[in-house]
Protein backbone atom coordinates (compact mmCIF):
# COMPACT_ATOMS: atom_id res chain seq x y z
CA MET A 1 157.18 -68.78 -75.44
CA ALA A 2 158.80 -65.59 -74.21
CA ALA A 3 159.27 -64.91 -70.50
CA GLY A 4 156.16 -63.38 -68.99
CA GLU A 5 154.05 -64.36 -71.99
CA PRO A 6 150.62 -65.74 -71.03
CA GLU A 7 149.88 -69.44 -71.42
CA GLY A 8 148.48 -70.01 -74.88
CA GLY A 9 150.84 -67.58 -76.62
CA ARG A 10 150.91 -63.83 -77.14
CA HIS A 11 147.52 -63.88 -78.84
CA ALA A 12 145.75 -65.67 -75.93
CA ARG A 13 142.80 -63.65 -74.68
CA LEU A 14 142.96 -62.99 -70.95
CA ASP A 15 140.23 -61.74 -68.69
CA PRO A 16 140.69 -57.96 -68.59
CA CYS A 17 138.66 -57.73 -65.38
CA GLN A 18 140.98 -59.96 -63.37
CA THR A 19 143.11 -58.38 -60.68
CA SER A 20 146.78 -59.19 -60.34
CA SER A 21 145.99 -61.48 -57.41
CA GLN A 22 143.68 -63.70 -59.47
CA PRO A 23 144.95 -66.60 -61.63
CA ARG A 24 144.73 -65.57 -65.23
CA VAL A 25 143.01 -68.04 -67.54
CA PRO A 26 143.72 -67.64 -71.28
CA TRP A 27 141.06 -67.93 -73.94
CA PRO A 28 142.80 -69.62 -76.88
CA GLY A 29 142.23 -67.92 -80.21
CA ARG A 30 140.83 -64.53 -81.07
CA VAL A 31 137.10 -65.17 -80.72
CA ARG A 32 135.42 -63.91 -77.56
CA PRO A 33 133.74 -66.89 -75.83
CA GLN A 34 130.12 -66.89 -74.71
CA ALA A 35 128.13 -69.07 -72.34
CA ARG A 36 124.64 -70.20 -71.61
CA ASN A 37 123.12 -71.75 -68.52
CA THR A 38 120.97 -74.74 -69.45
CA GLY A 39 119.81 -75.17 -65.88
CA LEU A 40 121.86 -78.36 -65.59
CA GLY A 41 125.33 -76.92 -66.03
CA TRP A 42 127.24 -74.18 -67.77
CA THR A 43 128.03 -74.55 -71.45
CA LEU A 44 130.87 -72.37 -72.67
CA PHE A 45 131.81 -72.03 -76.32
CA ASN A 46 134.78 -70.30 -77.92
CA GLY A 47 132.67 -68.95 -80.75
CA ALA A 48 129.94 -66.31 -80.91
CA LYS A 49 127.92 -68.33 -83.42
CA ARG A 50 127.18 -70.93 -80.75
CA HIS A 51 125.35 -68.46 -78.49
CA CYS A 52 121.67 -69.39 -78.41
CA GLY A 53 120.35 -66.42 -76.44
CA GLU A 54 119.56 -68.49 -73.34
CA GLY A 55 120.84 -67.11 -70.06
CA PRO A 56 123.37 -64.35 -69.51
CA LYS A 57 126.28 -63.73 -71.83
CA MET A 58 129.70 -64.20 -70.20
CA SER A 59 132.71 -62.85 -72.02
CA THR A 60 135.25 -64.27 -69.55
CA LEU A 61 135.53 -66.55 -66.55
CA THR A 62 138.13 -66.35 -63.82
CA LEU A 63 139.67 -69.53 -62.44
CA PRO A 64 137.59 -69.27 -59.21
CA GLU A 65 134.46 -68.93 -61.34
CA MET A 66 135.37 -72.04 -63.33
CA ILE A 67 135.97 -73.96 -60.10
CA GLY A 68 132.66 -72.67 -58.81
CA ILE A 69 130.84 -74.11 -61.82
CA LEU A 70 132.62 -77.44 -61.36
CA SER A 71 131.53 -77.35 -57.72
CA SER A 72 127.81 -77.35 -58.60
CA PRO A 73 127.15 -80.99 -59.47
CA LYS A 74 123.99 -82.65 -60.72
CA THR A 75 122.74 -86.22 -60.48
CA VAL A 76 123.70 -88.77 -63.11
CA ALA A 77 120.05 -88.83 -64.20
CA GLU A 78 120.13 -85.08 -64.84
CA ALA A 79 123.47 -85.33 -66.64
CA SER A 80 122.07 -88.07 -68.88
CA LEU A 81 119.20 -85.93 -70.15
CA VAL A 82 119.37 -84.49 -73.66
CA SER A 83 119.63 -81.07 -72.01
CA GLY A 84 122.39 -82.34 -69.72
CA LEU A 85 125.94 -83.15 -70.77
CA PRO A 86 126.69 -81.51 -74.13
CA ASP A 87 128.49 -82.95 -77.13
CA ASN A 88 131.34 -80.49 -76.64
CA PRO A 89 134.83 -80.76 -75.13
CA GLY A 90 135.32 -79.48 -71.62
CA LEU A 91 136.04 -80.24 -67.98
CA TYR A 92 134.05 -82.22 -65.44
CA ALA A 93 134.21 -82.98 -61.71
CA TRP A 94 132.87 -85.97 -59.77
CA TRP A 95 131.55 -85.59 -56.22
CA ILE A 96 130.50 -88.26 -53.71
CA VAL A 97 127.43 -87.86 -51.50
CA ASP A 98 128.91 -89.49 -48.37
CA PRO A 99 132.63 -89.77 -47.51
CA GLU A 100 131.94 -92.96 -45.54
CA LEU A 101 131.36 -94.72 -48.85
CA LEU A 102 135.11 -94.53 -49.53
CA PRO A 103 136.73 -95.25 -46.15
CA GLY A 104 140.40 -94.41 -46.05
CA VAL A 105 140.19 -91.75 -48.74
CA PRO A 106 140.96 -88.28 -47.32
CA LEU A 107 137.84 -86.37 -48.33
CA THR A 108 136.69 -82.91 -47.26
CA PRO A 109 132.89 -82.82 -47.05
CA ARG A 110 131.12 -79.53 -47.68
CA THR A 111 128.18 -78.33 -45.61
CA ASP A 112 125.87 -80.23 -47.99
CA GLY A 113 127.86 -83.44 -47.43
CA LEU A 114 129.38 -83.62 -50.91
CA SER A 115 133.10 -84.31 -51.33
CA LEU A 116 135.21 -83.91 -54.47
CA ILE A 117 136.86 -87.11 -55.69
CA TYR A 118 137.91 -86.64 -59.32
CA VAL A 119 138.38 -84.01 -62.04
CA GLY A 120 138.79 -84.86 -65.71
CA ILE A 121 138.82 -83.40 -69.18
CA ALA A 122 137.05 -84.50 -72.33
CA ARG A 123 139.58 -83.96 -75.10
CA SER A 124 143.26 -83.79 -74.26
CA ARG A 125 144.47 -82.71 -77.69
CA PRO A 126 143.10 -80.74 -80.65
CA ASN A 127 142.49 -83.74 -82.94
CA SER A 128 140.51 -85.75 -80.36
CA ALA A 129 136.81 -86.36 -80.95
CA GLN A 130 135.92 -86.84 -77.28
CA THR A 131 133.11 -84.79 -75.80
CA LEU A 132 131.78 -84.32 -72.30
CA ARG A 133 128.85 -86.56 -73.14
CA SER A 134 130.89 -89.37 -74.68
CA ARG A 135 133.51 -89.26 -71.92
CA VAL A 136 131.30 -89.00 -68.84
CA LEU A 137 128.38 -91.13 -70.03
CA GLY A 138 130.21 -93.48 -72.37
CA LYS A 139 133.34 -94.17 -70.30
CA HIS A 140 132.78 -93.28 -66.65
CA ILE A 141 129.15 -94.31 -66.24
CA ARG A 142 128.54 -97.00 -68.88
CA GLY A 143 132.08 -98.12 -69.65
CA VAL A 144 134.52 -100.65 -68.21
CA ILE A 145 137.31 -100.16 -65.68
CA GLY A 146 139.93 -100.76 -68.37
CA ASN A 147 138.91 -97.57 -70.21
CA SER A 148 138.23 -95.19 -67.33
CA THR A 149 140.66 -94.00 -64.68
CA LEU A 150 137.76 -93.11 -62.38
CA ARG A 151 136.07 -96.53 -62.71
CA ARG A 152 139.36 -98.34 -62.22
CA SER A 153 140.19 -96.34 -59.08
CA LEU A 154 136.72 -96.91 -57.65
CA ALA A 155 136.97 -100.63 -58.42
CA ALA A 156 140.37 -100.78 -56.72
CA LEU A 157 138.89 -99.23 -53.58
CA LEU A 158 135.62 -101.20 -53.52
CA TRP A 159 136.07 -104.64 -55.10
CA GLU A 160 137.07 -106.56 -51.99
CA ASP A 161 134.39 -105.14 -49.71
CA LEU A 162 131.65 -105.56 -52.32
CA GLY A 163 132.75 -109.00 -53.48
CA TRP A 164 133.52 -108.07 -57.08
CA GLN A 165 135.65 -110.41 -59.15
CA PRO A 166 138.34 -108.87 -61.37
CA TYR A 167 139.94 -110.67 -64.30
CA TRP A 168 142.70 -109.87 -66.80
CA ALA A 169 141.97 -109.06 -70.44
CA ASN A 170 143.77 -107.04 -73.11
CA ASP A 171 146.64 -106.15 -70.77
CA ARG A 172 144.43 -104.60 -68.09
CA ALA A 173 142.12 -105.43 -65.20
CA MET A 174 138.40 -105.83 -65.88
CA LEU A 175 135.29 -106.71 -63.85
CA ARG A 176 132.84 -109.48 -64.58
CA HIS A 177 129.79 -108.12 -66.40
CA GLU A 178 127.46 -108.29 -63.42
CA HIS A 179 130.02 -106.64 -61.17
CA ASN A 180 130.70 -103.95 -63.75
CA GLN A 181 126.95 -103.25 -63.75
CA GLU A 182 127.00 -103.04 -59.97
CA LEU A 183 129.73 -100.41 -60.22
CA LYS A 184 127.57 -98.49 -62.70
CA HIS A 185 124.65 -98.51 -60.27
CA TRP A 186 126.98 -97.51 -57.41
CA ILE A 187 128.13 -94.48 -59.42
CA GLU A 188 124.57 -93.52 -60.35
CA GLN A 189 123.43 -93.71 -56.74
CA ASN A 190 126.39 -92.24 -54.89
CA LEU A 191 128.12 -89.77 -57.21
CA ARG A 192 127.22 -86.39 -58.67
CA VAL A 193 128.86 -84.70 -61.65
CA ALA A 194 129.44 -81.09 -62.69
CA TRP A 195 130.73 -79.94 -66.05
CA LEU A 196 131.95 -76.94 -67.98
CA ALA A 197 132.17 -77.07 -71.79
CA TYR A 198 135.44 -75.53 -72.91
CA ALA A 199 137.03 -75.68 -76.37
CA GLU A 200 140.59 -76.48 -75.23
CA PRO A 201 140.32 -77.99 -71.73
CA TRP A 202 143.92 -79.17 -71.64
CA THR A 203 145.07 -75.55 -71.49
CA VAL A 204 143.47 -75.02 -68.06
CA GLU A 205 143.53 -78.57 -66.66
CA ARG A 206 146.60 -78.08 -64.46
CA SER A 207 145.27 -74.87 -62.93
CA ILE A 208 141.92 -76.51 -62.18
CA LEU A 209 143.57 -79.54 -60.56
CA GLU A 210 145.83 -77.37 -58.45
CA GLY A 211 142.84 -75.34 -57.34
CA MET A 212 140.55 -78.29 -56.52
CA HIS A 213 142.92 -81.07 -55.27
CA PRO A 214 140.92 -84.20 -56.21
CA PRO A 215 142.20 -87.35 -54.44
CA LEU A 216 141.48 -89.96 -57.16
CA ASN A 217 143.36 -88.41 -60.08
CA VAL A 218 146.37 -90.61 -60.80
CA ASN A 219 148.62 -89.07 -63.45
CA SER A 220 147.84 -85.48 -62.53
CA SER A 221 147.83 -85.57 -58.70
CA GLN A 222 151.07 -87.24 -57.73
CA LYS A 223 151.60 -84.66 -54.98
CA HIS A 224 148.31 -85.55 -53.31
CA PRO A 225 148.87 -87.37 -49.96
CA PHE A 226 146.54 -90.19 -51.04
CA TYR A 227 148.47 -90.86 -54.25
CA PRO A 228 150.69 -93.71 -52.86
CA SER A 229 147.69 -95.47 -51.33
CA LEU A 230 145.68 -95.19 -54.54
CA ARG A 231 148.54 -96.52 -56.65
CA SER A 232 148.92 -99.43 -54.25
CA ALA A 233 145.20 -100.24 -54.37
CA ARG A 234 145.21 -100.17 -58.18
CA ALA A 235 148.28 -102.44 -58.24
CA CYS A 236 146.55 -104.91 -55.91
CA LEU A 237 143.55 -104.95 -58.25
CA ASP A 238 145.85 -105.77 -61.16
CA VAL A 239 147.51 -108.58 -59.20
CA ALA A 240 144.14 -110.08 -58.25
CA ALA A 241 142.92 -109.80 -61.84
CA SER A 242 145.99 -111.35 -63.44
CA GLY A 243 146.42 -114.11 -60.85
CA LYS A 244 150.12 -113.38 -60.69
CA SER A 245 152.32 -111.80 -58.07
CA SER A 246 153.85 -108.40 -58.66
CA ALA A 247 157.24 -110.04 -59.20
CA GLN A 248 155.83 -112.46 -61.78
CA ARG A 249 154.07 -109.71 -63.65
CA GLY A 250 157.04 -107.37 -63.55
CA GLN A 251 156.77 -103.64 -63.73
CA ARG A 252 153.93 -102.42 -65.94
CA ILE A 253 153.52 -98.90 -67.23
CA GLU A 254 149.94 -97.88 -66.51
CA LYS A 255 148.01 -96.60 -69.49
CA ASP A 256 145.60 -94.44 -67.57
CA ILE A 257 142.97 -92.52 -69.48
CA LEU A 258 142.10 -89.22 -67.83
């Protein structure tokens, strides 16, 4: 890529209405994207054929506008509706209703009491089949801690206080079935989720993370002040699950799934 060339290559479509002071977000490809507001979240498609005529057309979104959409979360029940999370790739953000539920985590509550805890993407490469619906519902809400960075981080912060019992299986920590269900109910009750469907979310992930500063992202937020504490908590969960000391287990490369 040549110096000064926009991310995404020379053919990336940039917002022509952005000022020089605004971060410039590329639209990969040559097709002008469009969006619709379903009432439960914004759905953005890089293809005019996907426009259904509902809501206003949006030819471009600035980075602050994208962050604004990810800052308007809905309940898990709303996200689970057919009209909720779409079967499209994109970005999502998890918010907690009360910072006291995660003591020790440096959260910044808004006036409505919500605090951002995690930002993720559904599809990290072009050949992935992941969608917002499969990632958020299938992995974060209904999955296991071994297949979800968010669930594993929450388990690492909550398991001792809530009496959950971790165990080791397939080279990773897991929770007993009943405790895994308790984590699911905890998420449903205490977290909210916002989403933005986007064809190539990996192209804007870094900009979104830098703009939102979520504390529970592991691989992508190593500069966050809570990062060492979170890594330590996750390591303690692994030690408790495996029944071995850190020295006995040796160094293990974490296979986190964003």
